[in-house]
Protein backbone atom coordinates (compact mmCIF):
# COMPACT_ATOMS: atom_id res chain seq x y z
CA MET A 1 -167.29 32.48 -116.74
CA THR A 2 -167.33 36.06 -115.51
CA THR A 3 -166.90 37.13 -111.93
CA THR A 4 -169.29 39.69 -110.51
CA PRO A 5 -167.80 42.62 -108.59
CA SER A 6 -169.08 41.32 -105.26
CA LYS A 7 -167.51 37.89 -105.81
CA LEU A 8 -164.27 39.52 -106.90
CA LYS A 9 -164.27 41.69 -103.77
CA ILE A 10 -164.71 38.61 -101.56
CA LYS A 11 -161.89 36.78 -103.36
CA VAL A 12 -159.56 39.76 -102.89
CA GLN A 13 -160.48 40.01 -99.19
CA ILE A 14 -159.83 36.31 -98.66
CA GLY A 15 -156.50 36.56 -100.48
CA ILE A 16 -155.33 39.53 -98.43
CA THR A 17 -156.47 37.83 -95.22
CA ALA A 18 -154.60 34.64 -96.09
CA VAL A 19 -151.36 36.50 -96.82
CA LEU A 20 -151.58 38.53 -93.59
CA LEU A 21 -152.36 35.46 -91.48
CA LEU A 22 -149.48 33.49 -92.97
CA PHE A 23 -147.12 36.40 -92.36
CA CYS A 24 -148.31 36.73 -88.75
CA ILE A 25 -147.99 32.99 -88.13
CA TYR A 26 -144.44 33.15 -89.48
CA ILE A 27 -143.61 36.03 -87.11
CA ILE A 28 -145.21 34.25 -84.15
CA ALA A 29 -143.27 31.06 -84.90
CA THR A 30 -139.87 32.67 -85.42
CA GLU A 31 -139.61 35.63 -83.03
CA PRO A 32 -138.34 35.30 -79.44
CA ALA A 33 -140.93 35.49 -76.67
CA ASN A 34 -140.03 39.03 -75.57
CA SER A 35 -140.18 40.62 -79.03
CA ASP A 36 -142.42 43.61 -79.76
CA LYS A 37 -143.19 42.08 -83.15
CA LEU A 38 -145.23 39.40 -81.36
CA LYS A 39 -147.57 42.04 -79.95
CA TRP A 40 -148.15 43.42 -83.43
CA ALA A 41 -148.62 39.96 -84.94
CA PHE A 42 -151.18 38.90 -82.32
CA GLY A 43 -152.92 42.26 -82.72
CA ILE A 44 -153.22 41.83 -86.47
CA VAL A 45 -154.57 38.29 -86.02
CA GLY A 46 -157.17 39.65 -83.59
CA ILE A 47 -158.18 42.41 -85.98
CA ILE A 48 -158.57 39.92 -88.84
CA ILE A 49 -160.67 37.56 -86.72
CA GLY A 50 -162.81 40.47 -85.55
CA TYR A 51 -163.28 41.67 -89.14
CA TRP A 52 -164.52 38.30 -90.35
CA LEU A 53 -166.80 37.78 -87.32
CA LYS A 54 -168.58 41.13 -87.69
């Protein structure tokens, strides 16, 4: 079974999205409430959600 380039592109996008979301969730769960990393993590989550809703 061969994968067409468009299907491969979608699989790569989903993989990258999953890794980024897991990393952000880890940061959100482990950082203290006043950390600057939280701002970045929530920002990345917002960008990912916006990308997939476009």
